[in-house]
C-alpha atoms as a PDB file:
ATOM      1  CA  MET A   1      50.711  -2.588 -94.366  1.00  0.00           C
ATOM      2  CA  SER A   2      47.878  -3.663 -96.924  1.00  0.00           C
ATOM      3  CA  THR A   3      47.100  -5.934 -98.480  1.00  0.00           C
ATOM      4  CA  ILE A   4      46.335  -5.706-102.587  1.00  0.00           C
ATOM      5  CA  PHE A   5      44.205  -8.456-103.532  1.00  0.00           C
ATOM      6  CA  THR A   6      42.499  -8.660-106.791  1.00  0.00           C
ATOM      7  CA  PRO A   7      38.110 -10.575-106.338  1.00  0.00           C
ATOM      8  CA  LEU A   8      38.036 -13.153-109.062  1.00  0.00           C
ATOM      9  CA  SER A   9      34.245 -11.140-109.556  1.00  0.00           C
ATOM     10  CA  LYS A  10      33.609  -7.604-110.159  1.00  0.00           C
ATOM     11  CA  GLY A  11      33.316  -5.499-106.635  1.00  0.00           C
ATOM     12  CA  THR A  12      33.281  -8.049-104.314  1.00  0.00           C
ATOM     13  CA  ILE A  13      34.381 -11.094-102.834  1.00  0.00           C
ATOM     14  CA  LYS A  14      32.998 -13.897-102.323  1.00  0.00           C
ATOM     15  CA  VAL A  15      34.269 -16.915 -99.463  1.00  0.00           C
ATOM     16  CA  LEU A  16      32.931 -19.410 -98.885  1.00  0.00           C
ATOM     17  CA  ILE A  17      33.918 -20.306 -95.865  1.00  0.00           C
ATOM     18  CA  ILE A  18      33.640 -24.361 -95.220  1.00  0.00           C
ATOM     19  CA  ASP A  19      33.321 -26.518 -91.335  1.00  0.00           C
ATOM     20  CA  GLU A  20      30.983 -29.247 -89.239  1.00  0.00           C
ATOM     21  CA  VAL A  21      30.252 -27.229 -86.921  1.00  0.00           C
ATOM     22  CA  ALA A  22      27.773 -24.554 -87.641  1.00  0.00           C
ATOM     23  CA  SER A  23      28.596 -22.049 -84.805  1.00  0.00           C
ATOM     24  CA  MET A  24      32.509 -21.913 -86.507  1.00  0.00           C
ATOM     25  CA  ARG A  25      30.712 -21.377 -89.454  1.00  0.00           C
ATOM     26  CA  LYS A  26      28.051 -18.789 -88.495  1.00  0.00           C
ATOM     27  CA  PHE A  27      31.196 -16.514 -86.438  1.00  0.00           C
ATOM     28  CA  ALA A  28      33.060 -16.817 -89.203  1.00  0.00           C
ATOM     29  CA  LYS A  29      30.722 -15.590 -91.527  1.00  0.00           C
ATOM     30  CA  PHE A  30      29.805 -12.369 -88.717  1.00  0.00           C
ATOM     31  CA  GLY A  31      32.976 -11.394 -88.315  1.00  0.00           C
ATOM     32  CA  LEU A  32      33.928 -11.358 -92.304  1.00  0.00           C
ATOM     33  CA  GLU A  33      31.120  -9.023 -93.254  1.00  0.00           C
ATOM     34  CA  LYS A  34      32.050  -6.487 -90.248  1.00  0.00           C
ATOM     35  CA  SER A  35      34.949  -6.085 -91.774  1.00  0.00           C
ATOM     36  CA  PHE A  36      34.714  -6.177 -94.399  1.00  0.00           C
ATOM     37  CA  PRO A  37      31.741  -5.078 -95.975  1.00  0.00           C
ATOM     38  CA  LEU A  38      32.445  -6.521 -99.965  1.00  0.00           C
ATOM     39  CA  ILE A  39      33.147  -9.914 -99.102  1.00  0.00           C
ATOM     40  CA  VAL A  40      29.798 -12.198 -99.720  1.00  0.00           C
ATOM     41  CA  VAL A  41      30.090 -15.524 -97.897  1.00  0.00           C
ATOM     42  CA  GLU A  42      28.131 -19.067 -98.677  1.00  0.00           C
ATOM     43  CA  GLU A  43      28.610 -21.377 -96.115  1.00  0.00           C
ATOM     44  CA  ALA A  44      28.893 -25.878 -96.448  1.00  0.00           C
ATOM     45  CA  ALA A  45      28.477 -28.168 -93.658  1.00  0.00           C
ATOM     46  CA  SER A  46      30.259 -30.679 -95.741  1.00  0.00           C
ATOM     47  CA  GLY A  47      32.794 -31.694 -98.292  1.00  0.00           C
ATOM     48  CA  LYS A  48      29.712 -32.645-100.673  1.00  0.00           C
ATOM     49  CA  GLU A  49      27.200 -29.167-100.152  1.00  0.00           C
ATOM     50  CA  ALA A  50      31.040 -27.124-101.198  1.00  0.00           C
ATOM     51  CA  GLN A  51      31.658 -29.765-104.145  1.00  0.00           C
ATOM     52  CA  MET A  52      28.182 -28.890-104.960  1.00  0.00           C
ATOM     53  CA  LYS A  53      28.406 -24.656-104.571  1.00  0.00           C
ATOM     54  CA  LEU A  54      30.994 -24.623-105.687  1.00  0.00           C
ATOM     55  CA  GLU A  55      29.441 -26.679-109.047  1.00  0.00           C
ATOM     56  CA  HIS A  56      27.907 -23.787-110.121  1.00  0.00           C
ATOM     57  CA  SER A  57      30.392 -20.346-108.377  1.00  0.00           C
ATOM     58  CA  GLU A  58      33.725 -19.401-108.355  1.00  0.00           C
ATOM     59  CA  TYR A  59      34.470 -18.351-105.062  1.00  0.00           C
ATOM     60  CA  ASP A  60      38.114 -15.822-104.093  1.00  0.00           C
ATOM     61  CA  LEU A  61      38.084 -17.702-100.839  1.00  0.00           C
ATOM     62  CA  ILE A  62      37.344 -20.901 -99.353  1.00  0.00           C
ATOM     63  CA  PRO A  63      38.746 -21.076 -95.934  1.00  0.00           C
ATOM     64  CA  LEU A  64      38.301 -25.184 -94.901  1.00  0.00           C
ATOM     65  CA  ARG A  65      38.796 -26.480 -90.554  1.00  0.00           C
ATOM     66  CA  LEU A  66      37.592 -23.239 -88.955  1.00  0.00           C
ATOM     67  CA  GLY A  67      37.294 -24.951 -85.711  1.00  0.00           C
ATOM     68  CA  SER A  68      40.629 -27.094 -86.081  1.00  0.00           C
ATOM     69  CA  ALA A  69      42.494 -26.136 -83.453  1.00  0.00           C
ATOM     70  CA  ARG A  70      40.507 -27.780 -80.949  1.00  0.00           C
ATOM     71  CA  TYR A  71      41.167 -31.567 -83.053  1.00  0.00           C
ATOM     72  CA  TYR A  72      44.981 -31.237 -81.384  1.00  0.00           C
ATOM     73  CA  ARG A  73      43.750 -30.597 -77.625  1.00  0.00           C
ATOM     74  CA  ARG A  74      46.702 -32.058 -75.455  1.00  0.00           C
END
């Protein structure tokens, strides 16, 4: 089953990945770019950095706290 998605930017889907853990950002970026050739990924290590990027660009998708499961170990 496919999902219909209309990106803000023509031709590509811009994604801003926000996570303080560099390895999580790199893992997500690699997976997205490898799986979906039309995706362009930018990274931000903090909310402040993300806010600066958002002031200058628009994004179609902004996933947050990719590694949040690690904080909920039992």
